[in-house]
């Protein structure tokens, strides 16, 4: 079921789809209009700090700034492995760093809730058994819609290289 369209920074549009049946999911679209307002009325900046080339074992530092209001939001980094390579834990080509590496002064690791205006700088170490090559890094802020969806409010994509 196509539940609507959400517009993000620079006019990028994403479709919201809901799956439901008699005994699973729901078909409520409440919150999609509110999400559009959040994206329009928020301020966001994110970047990988220091450099764009890393060696296994080094720390990637990320800076994120967000100003806006979130119902139950949070932020994260998602790393996509180099093309054709996967991570050692079962063939996945996505890696989201452990939230324990993120700041703890928020109301829970990685969380941005209520009226927010804050800049975060945090780091995550690159394990030695990860594949080397060019990574796509997604630095994202999410929010929770009343029906349990977690669409991205804002996102920035960076390219980094990891070598031995």
N, C-alpha and C. Protein backbone atom coordinates (compact mmCIF):
# COMPACT_ATOMS: atom_id res chain seq x y z
N UNK A 1 0.84 -1.17 0.00
CA UNK A 1 0.00 0.00 0.00
C UNK A 1 0.89 1.23 0.00
N UNK A 2 0.72 2.12 -0.97
CA UNK A 2 1.49 3.35 -1.05
C UNK A 2 0.84 4.37 -0.14
N UNK A 3 1.56 4.78 0.91
CA UNK A 3 0.98 5.64 1.94
C UNK A 3 1.25 7.12 1.74
N UNK A 4 2.06 7.48 0.78
CA UNK A 4 2.34 8.90 0.56
C UNK A 4 3.79 9.12 0.20
N UNK A 5 4.14 10.37 0.06
CA UNK A 5 5.49 10.74 -0.32
C UNK A 5 6.05 11.69 0.72
N UNK A 6 7.32 11.50 1.07
CA UNK A 6 8.00 12.38 2.00
C UNK A 6 9.08 13.12 1.22
N UNK A 7 9.17 14.44 1.39
CA UNK A 7 10.16 15.25 0.70
C UNK A 7 11.30 15.57 1.66
N UNK A 8 12.53 15.33 1.22
CA UNK A 8 13.70 15.57 2.04
C UNK A 8 14.51 16.73 1.48
N UNK A 9 15.67 16.95 2.06
CA UNK A 9 16.55 18.04 1.66
C UNK A 9 16.80 18.02 0.16
N UNK A 10 16.91 19.18 -0.43
CA UNK A 10 17.17 19.38 -1.85
C UNK A 10 16.06 18.82 -2.72
N UNK A 11 14.86 18.67 -2.16
CA UNK A 11 13.71 18.25 -2.94
C UNK A 11 13.63 16.77 -3.24
N UNK A 12 14.55 15.98 -2.68
CA UNK A 12 14.52 14.53 -2.91
C UNK A 12 13.25 13.95 -2.30
N UNK A 13 12.56 13.11 -3.06
CA UNK A 13 11.30 12.52 -2.59
C UNK A 13 11.46 11.03 -2.39
N UNK A 14 10.85 10.52 -1.32
CA UNK A 14 10.85 9.10 -1.02
C UNK A 14 9.41 8.64 -0.85
N UNK A 15 9.09 7.48 -1.35
CA UNK A 15 7.76 6.92 -1.18
C UNK A 15 7.70 6.13 0.12
N UNK A 16 6.60 6.25 0.82
CA UNK A 16 6.35 5.47 2.02
C UNK A 16 5.39 4.35 1.64
N UNK A 17 5.79 3.13 1.93
CA UNK A 17 4.94 1.97 1.66
C UNK A 17 4.61 1.28 2.97
N UNK A 18 3.40 0.81 3.11
CA UNK A 18 2.98 0.07 4.29
C UNK A 18 2.58 -1.33 3.85
N UNK A 19 2.96 -2.31 4.65
CA UNK A 19 2.51 -3.68 4.41
C UNK A 19 1.65 -4.09 5.60
N UNK A 20 0.48 -4.62 5.33
CA UNK A 20 -0.39 -5.04 6.42
C UNK A 20 -1.36 -6.10 5.94
N UNK A 21 -1.89 -6.82 6.89
CA UNK A 21 -2.89 -7.85 6.61
C UNK A 21 -3.79 -7.97 7.82
N UNK A 22 -4.59 -9.02 7.87
CA UNK A 22 -5.51 -9.19 8.99
C UNK A 22 -4.78 -9.34 10.32
N UNK A 23 -3.62 -9.99 10.31
CA UNK A 23 -2.95 -10.28 11.57
C UNK A 23 -1.55 -9.66 11.69
N UNK A 24 -1.20 -8.70 10.85
CA UNK A 24 0.09 -8.03 11.01
C UNK A 24 0.03 -6.63 10.43
N UNK A 25 0.94 -5.75 10.92
CA UNK A 25 1.07 -4.40 10.40
C UNK A 25 -0.14 -3.52 10.67
N UNK A 26 -0.13 -2.33 10.07
CA UNK A 26 -1.28 -1.44 10.15
C UNK A 26 -1.31 -0.58 8.89
N UNK A 27 -2.41 0.11 8.69
CA UNK A 27 -2.57 0.92 7.48
C UNK A 27 -2.76 2.39 7.80
N UNK A 28 -2.24 2.85 8.93
CA UNK A 28 -2.38 4.25 9.30
C UNK A 28 -1.28 5.08 8.64
N UNK A 29 -1.64 6.21 8.08
CA UNK A 29 -0.66 7.09 7.44
C UNK A 29 -0.39 8.33 8.28
N UNK A 30 -0.93 8.38 9.49
CA UNK A 30 -0.73 9.55 10.35
C UNK A 30 0.75 9.81 10.51
N UNK A 31 1.16 11.04 10.36
CA UNK A 31 2.53 11.43 10.61
C UNK A 31 3.33 11.75 9.37
N UNK A 32 2.89 11.33 8.20
CA UNK A 32 3.67 11.60 6.99
C UNK A 32 3.72 13.10 6.71
N UNK A 33 2.59 13.78 6.86
CA UNK A 33 2.58 15.24 6.65
C UNK A 33 3.48 15.93 7.66
N UNK A 34 3.44 15.45 8.93
CA UNK A 34 4.28 16.02 9.97
C UNK A 34 5.76 15.82 9.64
N UNK A 35 6.10 14.68 9.07
CA UNK A 35 7.48 14.39 8.70
C UNK A 35 7.97 15.37 7.65
N UNK A 36 7.13 15.69 6.68
CA UNK A 36 7.50 16.69 5.68
C UNK A 36 7.80 18.03 6.32
N UNK A 37 6.99 18.43 7.31
CA UNK A 37 7.22 19.69 8.02
C UNK A 37 8.54 19.64 8.78
N UNK A 38 8.85 18.50 9.40
CA UNK A 38 10.10 18.38 10.14
C UNK A 38 11.29 18.57 9.21
N UNK A 39 11.26 17.93 8.06
CA UNK A 39 12.38 18.04 7.13
C UNK A 39 12.53 19.47 6.64
N UNK A 40 11.41 20.12 6.35
CA UNK A 40 11.44 21.48 5.82
C UNK A 40 11.94 22.47 6.88
N UNK A 41 11.54 22.27 8.13
CA UNK A 41 11.85 23.23 9.19
C UNK A 41 13.13 22.90 9.97
N UNK A 42 13.89 21.91 9.54
CA UNK A 42 15.08 21.53 10.29
C UNK A 42 16.34 22.02 9.58
N UNK A 43 17.43 22.04 10.35
CA UNK A 43 18.73 22.40 9.82
C UNK A 43 19.66 21.21 10.06
N UNK A 44 20.49 20.87 9.10
CA UNK A 44 21.29 19.66 9.19
C UNK A 44 22.62 19.86 8.49
N UNK A 45 23.67 19.36 9.11
CA UNK A 45 24.98 19.33 8.48
C UNK A 45 25.72 18.11 9.03
N UNK A 46 26.44 17.41 8.18
CA UNK A 46 27.17 16.24 8.62
C UNK A 46 28.39 16.04 7.74
N UNK A 47 29.46 15.47 8.34
CA UNK A 47 30.66 15.21 7.56
C UNK A 47 31.58 14.23 8.28
N UNK A 48 32.43 13.58 7.51
CA UNK A 48 33.52 12.78 8.05
C UNK A 48 34.66 13.76 8.29
N UNK A 49 35.23 13.76 9.50
CA UNK A 49 36.26 14.72 9.87
C UNK A 49 37.66 14.20 9.53
N UNK A 50 38.60 15.10 9.51
CA UNK A 50 40.03 14.86 9.44
C UNK A 50 40.54 14.44 8.06
N UNK A 51 40.01 13.35 7.51
CA UNK A 51 40.54 12.84 6.25
C UNK A 51 39.51 11.93 5.62
N UNK A 52 39.80 11.48 4.41
CA UNK A 52 38.89 10.58 3.70
C UNK A 52 39.53 9.22 3.41
N UNK A 53 40.81 9.03 3.83
CA UNK A 53 41.49 7.75 3.67
C UNK A 53 41.91 7.24 5.04
N UNK A 54 41.56 5.98 5.33
CA UNK A 54 41.82 5.38 6.63
C UNK A 54 42.48 4.03 6.46
N UNK A 55 43.21 3.61 7.51
CA UNK A 55 43.77 2.27 7.55
C UNK A 55 42.96 1.45 8.55
N UNK A 56 42.95 0.12 8.33
CA UNK A 56 42.29 -0.76 9.28
C UNK A 56 42.81 -0.47 10.68
N UNK A 57 41.94 -0.41 11.68
CA UNK A 57 42.32 -0.10 13.05
C UNK A 57 42.22 1.36 13.42
N UNK A 58 42.17 2.25 12.44
CA UNK A 58 42.04 3.68 12.74
C UNK A 58 40.61 4.03 13.10
N UNK A 59 40.43 5.24 13.59
CA UNK A 59 39.12 5.72 14.00
C UNK A 59 38.56 6.72 13.00
N UNK A 60 37.32 6.48 12.59
CA UNK A 60 36.61 7.42 11.72
C UNK A 60 35.83 8.35 12.62
N UNK A 61 36.08 9.66 12.51
CA UNK A 61 35.34 10.63 13.32
C UNK A 61 34.28 11.30 12.44
N UNK A 62 33.08 11.37 12.99
CA UNK A 62 31.94 11.95 12.28
C UNK A 62 31.41 13.14 13.07
N UNK A 63 31.05 14.21 12.35
CA UNK A 63 30.39 15.35 12.99
C UNK A 63 29.00 15.45 12.40
N UNK A 64 28.02 15.66 13.28
CA UNK A 64 26.65 15.86 12.82
C UNK A 64 26.04 17.02 13.60
N UNK A 65 25.37 17.89 12.88
CA UNK A 65 24.64 18.99 13.50
C UNK A 65 23.19 18.86 13.07
N UNK A 66 22.29 18.96 14.05
CA UNK A 66 20.86 18.92 13.74
C UNK A 66 20.13 19.91 14.61
N UNK A 67 19.24 20.69 13.98
CA UNK A 67 18.36 21.60 14.70
C UNK A 67 16.95 21.35 14.18
N UNK A 68 16.07 21.05 15.09
CA UNK A 68 14.69 20.76 14.71
C UNK A 68 13.97 20.08 15.85
N UNK A 69 12.83 19.53 15.57
CA UNK A 69 12.05 18.84 16.59
C UNK A 69 11.75 17.43 16.11
N UNK A 70 12.03 16.46 16.99
CA UNK A 70 11.83 15.05 16.66
C UNK A 70 10.98 14.38 17.73
N UNK A 71 10.12 13.50 17.30
CA UNK A 71 9.25 12.78 18.24
C UNK A 71 10.05 11.74 19.00
N UNK A 72 10.76 10.91 18.30
CA UNK A 72 11.57 9.86 18.91
C UNK A 72 12.72 9.55 17.99
N UNK A 73 13.49 10.55 17.66
CA UNK A 73 14.49 10.41 16.62
C UNK A 73 15.82 9.91 17.13
N UNK A 74 16.69 9.62 16.18
CA UNK A 74 18.05 9.24 16.48
C UNK A 74 18.89 9.43 15.23
N UNK A 75 20.20 9.28 15.36
CA UNK A 75 21.08 9.40 14.22
C UNK A 75 22.01 8.20 14.18
N UNK A 76 22.53 7.92 13.03
CA UNK A 76 23.52 6.87 12.92
C UNK A 76 24.36 7.06 11.67
N UNK A 77 25.40 6.26 11.57
CA UNK A 77 26.20 6.14 10.35
C UNK A 77 25.94 4.75 9.81
N UNK A 78 25.79 4.64 8.52
CA UNK A 78 25.67 3.33 7.89
C UNK A 78 26.76 3.27 6.83
N UNK A 79 27.59 2.25 6.89
CA UNK A 79 28.70 2.09 5.97
C UNK A 79 28.36 0.97 4.99
N UNK A 80 28.51 1.23 3.70
CA UNK A 80 28.32 0.20 2.68
C UNK A 80 29.70 -0.23 2.20
N UNK A 81 29.95 -1.54 2.26
CA UNK A 81 31.25 -2.09 1.89
C UNK A 81 31.54 -1.85 0.41
N UNK A 82 32.81 -1.93 0.04
CA UNK A 82 33.16 -1.78 -1.38
C UNK A 82 32.41 -2.78 -2.24
N UNK A 83 32.16 -2.40 -3.45
CA UNK A 83 31.38 -3.23 -4.38
C UNK A 83 31.96 -4.65 -4.46
N UNK A 84 31.06 -5.62 -4.29
CA UNK A 84 31.47 -7.01 -4.37
C UNK A 84 32.07 -7.59 -3.11
N UNK A 85 32.19 -6.79 -2.04
CA UNK A 85 32.77 -7.27 -0.79
C UNK A 85 31.71 -7.27 0.31
N UNK A 86 31.91 -8.13 1.31
CA UNK A 86 30.98 -8.20 2.43
C UNK A 86 31.75 -8.20 3.75
N UNK A 87 31.02 -7.98 4.84
CA UNK A 87 31.62 -7.99 6.17
C UNK A 87 31.71 -9.43 6.68
N UNK A 88 32.58 -9.68 7.65
CA UNK A 88 32.85 -11.05 8.07
C UNK A 88 31.72 -11.75 8.83
N UNK A 89 30.65 -11.08 9.16
CA UNK A 89 29.61 -11.70 10.00
C UNK A 89 28.42 -12.25 9.22
N UNK A 90 28.63 -12.79 8.07
CA UNK A 90 27.54 -13.47 7.39
C UNK A 90 27.15 -12.91 6.05
N UNK A 91 28.04 -12.21 5.38
CA UNK A 91 27.75 -11.81 4.02
C UNK A 91 27.07 -10.47 3.86
N UNK A 92 26.87 -9.72 4.91
CA UNK A 92 26.23 -8.41 4.79
C UNK A 92 27.21 -7.40 4.19
N UNK A 93 26.68 -6.49 3.35
CA UNK A 93 27.56 -5.42 2.85
C UNK A 93 27.24 -4.09 3.54
N UNK A 94 26.46 -4.13 4.64
CA UNK A 94 26.16 -2.94 5.44
C UNK A 94 26.75 -3.08 6.83
N UNK A 95 27.26 -1.97 7.37
CA UNK A 95 27.81 -1.95 8.72
C UNK A 95 27.33 -0.68 9.41
N UNK A 96 26.70 -0.84 10.56
CA UNK A 96 26.32 0.30 11.39
C UNK A 96 27.15 0.19 12.66
N UNK A 97 28.02 1.18 12.95
CA UNK A 97 28.91 1.07 14.12
C UNK A 97 28.12 0.87 15.41
N UNK A 98 28.75 0.23 16.35
CA UNK A 98 28.16 -0.02 17.67
C UNK A 98 27.79 1.32 18.31
N UNK A 99 26.56 1.42 18.79
CA UNK A 99 26.11 2.67 19.40
C UNK A 99 26.88 3.01 20.65
N UNK A 100 27.59 2.08 21.24
CA UNK A 100 28.41 2.40 22.42
C UNK A 100 29.54 3.35 22.07
N UNK A 101 29.85 3.49 20.78
CA UNK A 101 30.91 4.41 20.38
C UNK A 101 30.38 5.84 20.24
N UNK A 102 29.08 6.02 20.38
CA UNK A 102 28.49 7.34 20.18
C UNK A 102 28.38 8.08 21.51
N UNK A 103 28.12 9.37 21.48
CA UNK A 103 28.10 10.17 22.70
C UNK A 103 27.04 9.69 23.68
N UNK A 104 27.31 9.88 24.96
CA UNK A 104 26.35 9.45 25.99
C UNK A 104 25.66 10.63 26.66
N UNK A 105 25.97 11.85 26.26
CA UNK A 105 25.32 13.00 26.91
C UNK A 105 23.91 13.23 26.39
N UNK A 106 23.49 12.47 25.38
CA UNK A 106 22.12 12.58 24.90
C UNK A 106 21.22 11.75 25.82
N UNK A 107 19.93 11.72 25.53
CA UNK A 107 19.04 10.93 26.37
C UNK A 107 19.01 9.48 25.88
N UNK A 108 20.17 8.92 25.71
CA UNK A 108 20.37 7.56 25.20
C UNK A 108 21.31 7.64 24.03
N UNK A 109 22.15 6.62 23.82
CA UNK A 109 23.13 6.69 22.74
C UNK A 109 22.48 6.93 21.39
N UNK A 110 22.94 7.97 20.71
CA UNK A 110 22.47 8.25 19.36
C UNK A 110 21.10 8.87 19.27
N UNK A 111 20.46 9.18 20.40
CA UNK A 111 19.08 9.66 20.34
C UNK A 111 19.00 11.19 20.29
N UNK A 112 18.06 11.69 19.53
CA UNK A 112 17.74 13.11 19.43
C UNK A 112 16.24 13.22 19.61
N UNK A 113 15.79 13.71 20.75
CA UNK A 113 14.37 13.71 21.05
C UNK A 113 13.92 15.10 21.49
N UNK A 114 12.73 15.51 21.04
CA UNK A 114 12.19 16.81 21.40
C UNK A 114 12.80 17.91 20.54
N UNK A 115 12.85 19.12 21.08
CA UNK A 115 13.48 20.23 20.37
C UNK A 115 14.98 20.09 20.53
N UNK A 116 15.67 19.97 19.42
CA UNK A 116 17.09 19.64 19.42
C UNK A 116 17.85 20.73 18.68
N UNK A 117 18.96 21.15 19.26
CA UNK A 117 19.95 21.93 18.53
C UNK A 117 21.29 21.53 19.12
N UNK A 118 21.96 20.64 18.46
CA UNK A 118 23.19 20.13 19.02
C UNK A 118 24.11 19.64 17.92
N UNK A 119 25.40 19.75 18.20
CA UNK A 119 26.42 19.21 17.32
C UNK A 119 27.09 18.06 18.06
N UNK A 120 27.25 16.94 17.37
CA UNK A 120 27.88 15.76 17.95
C UNK A 120 29.13 15.44 17.15
N UNK A 121 30.18 15.09 17.86
CA UNK A 121 31.38 14.57 17.23
C UNK A 121 31.68 13.25 17.91
N UNK A 122 31.79 12.19 17.14
CA UNK A 122 32.07 10.88 17.73
C UNK A 122 32.88 10.05 16.77
N UNK A 123 33.44 8.97 17.28
CA UNK A 123 34.29 8.14 16.45
C UNK A 123 33.97 6.67 16.57
N UNK A 124 34.34 5.93 15.55
CA UNK A 124 34.22 4.47 15.61
C UNK A 124 35.47 3.87 14.97
N UNK A 125 35.98 2.84 15.60
CA UNK A 125 37.19 2.18 15.10
C UNK A 125 36.84 1.21 13.99
N UNK A 126 37.74 1.07 13.05
CA UNK A 126 37.58 0.13 11.95
C UNK A 126 38.26 -1.17 12.33
N UNK A 127 37.50 -2.25 12.53
CA UNK A 127 38.12 -3.53 12.89
C UNK A 127 39.10 -4.01 11.80
N UNK A 128 40.10 -4.77 12.23
CA UNK A 128 41.15 -5.22 11.33
C UNK A 128 40.68 -6.26 10.32
N UNK A 129 39.54 -6.91 10.56
CA UNK A 129 39.08 -7.95 9.63
C UNK A 129 38.05 -7.44 8.62
N UNK A 130 37.92 -6.11 8.49
CA UNK A 130 36.96 -5.57 7.53
C UNK A 130 37.57 -5.50 6.14
N UNK A 131 36.73 -5.57 5.11
CA UNK A 131 37.27 -5.48 3.75
C UNK A 131 37.83 -4.09 3.46
N UNK A 132 38.82 -4.05 2.60
CA UNK A 132 39.40 -2.76 2.22
C UNK A 132 38.76 -2.30 0.91
N UNK A 133 38.90 -1.00 0.64
CA UNK A 133 38.36 -0.43 -0.59
C UNK A 133 37.59 0.84 -0.31
N UNK A 134 36.77 1.24 -1.29
CA UNK A 134 36.00 2.48 -1.21
C UNK A 134 34.64 2.22 -0.57
N UNK A 135 34.33 2.94 0.50
CA UNK A 135 33.08 2.80 1.23
C UNK A 135 32.18 3.99 0.97
N UNK A 136 30.89 3.74 0.94
CA UNK A 136 29.90 4.82 0.94
C UNK A 136 29.39 4.93 2.36
N UNK A 137 29.45 6.14 2.92
CA UNK A 137 29.03 6.38 4.30
C UNK A 137 27.77 7.24 4.27
N UNK A 138 26.71 6.77 4.94
CA UNK A 138 25.46 7.51 5.06
C UNK A 138 25.36 8.02 6.48
N UNK A 139 25.32 9.34 6.66
CA UNK A 139 25.18 9.95 7.98
C UNK A 139 23.74 10.44 8.05
N UNK A 140 22.93 9.88 8.98
CA UNK A 140 21.49 10.05 8.89
C UNK A 140 20.85 10.45 10.22
N UNK A 141 19.75 11.20 10.11
CA UNK A 141 18.87 11.48 11.24
C UNK A 141 17.51 10.87 10.90
N UNK A 142 16.97 10.09 11.83
CA UNK A 142 15.67 9.44 11.68
C UNK A 142 14.66 10.04 12.64
N UNK A 143 13.41 9.73 12.41
CA UNK A 143 12.38 9.97 13.43
C UNK A 143 11.40 8.81 13.39
N UNK A 144 10.65 8.67 14.45
CA UNK A 144 9.65 7.61 14.54
C UNK A 144 8.28 8.21 14.28
N UNK A 145 7.58 7.68 13.31
CA UNK A 145 6.19 8.08 13.09
C UNK A 145 5.31 7.31 14.06
N UNK A 146 4.11 7.82 14.35
CA UNK A 146 3.24 7.14 15.31
C UNK A 146 2.95 5.69 14.96
N UNK A 147 3.01 5.33 13.69
CA UNK A 147 2.70 3.96 13.30
C UNK A 147 3.93 3.06 13.25
N UNK A 148 5.04 3.50 13.82
CA UNK A 148 6.21 2.65 13.93
C UNK A 148 7.21 2.76 12.79
N UNK A 149 6.93 3.55 11.76
CA UNK A 149 7.89 3.73 10.67
C UNK A 149 9.07 4.58 11.15
N UNK A 150 10.23 4.39 10.51
CA UNK A 150 11.42 5.16 10.85
C UNK A 150 12.06 5.74 9.61
N UNK A 151 11.40 6.65 8.92
CA UNK A 151 12.03 7.22 7.73
C UNK A 151 13.15 8.20 8.08
N UNK A 152 14.06 8.35 7.13
CA UNK A 152 15.18 9.29 7.30
C UNK A 152 14.66 10.70 7.10
N UNK A 153 14.99 11.59 8.05
CA UNK A 153 14.64 13.00 7.93
C UNK A 153 15.70 13.71 7.08
N UNK A 154 16.95 13.52 7.43
CA UNK A 154 18.05 14.14 6.70
C UNK A 154 19.18 13.12 6.54
N UNK A 155 19.96 13.27 5.48
CA UNK A 155 21.05 12.33 5.21
C UNK A 155 22.12 13.02 4.39
N UNK A 156 23.37 12.68 4.68
CA UNK A 156 24.48 13.12 3.84
C UNK A 156 25.31 11.90 3.49
N UNK A 157 25.76 11.83 2.27
CA UNK A 157 26.55 10.70 1.81
C UNK A 157 27.99 11.17 1.60
N UNK A 158 28.94 10.40 2.13
CA UNK A 158 30.36 10.68 1.95
C UNK A 158 31.03 9.42 1.42
N UNK A 159 32.14 9.57 0.73
CA UNK A 159 32.92 8.45 0.22
C UNK A 159 34.26 8.46 0.95
N UNK A 160 34.64 7.30 1.51
CA UNK A 160 35.95 7.17 2.16
C UNK A 160 36.66 5.94 1.59
N UNK A 161 37.95 5.86 1.83
CA UNK A 161 38.72 4.70 1.41
C UNK A 161 39.36 4.08 2.64
N UNK A 162 39.29 2.75 2.74
CA UNK A 162 39.93 2.02 3.84
C UNK A 162 40.95 1.08 3.22
N UNK A 163 42.20 1.18 3.72
CA UNK A 163 43.30 0.36 3.23
C UNK A 163 43.91 -0.42 4.38
N UNK A 164 44.79 -1.38 4.02
CA UNK A 164 45.48 -2.18 5.07
C UNK A 164 46.55 -1.35 5.74
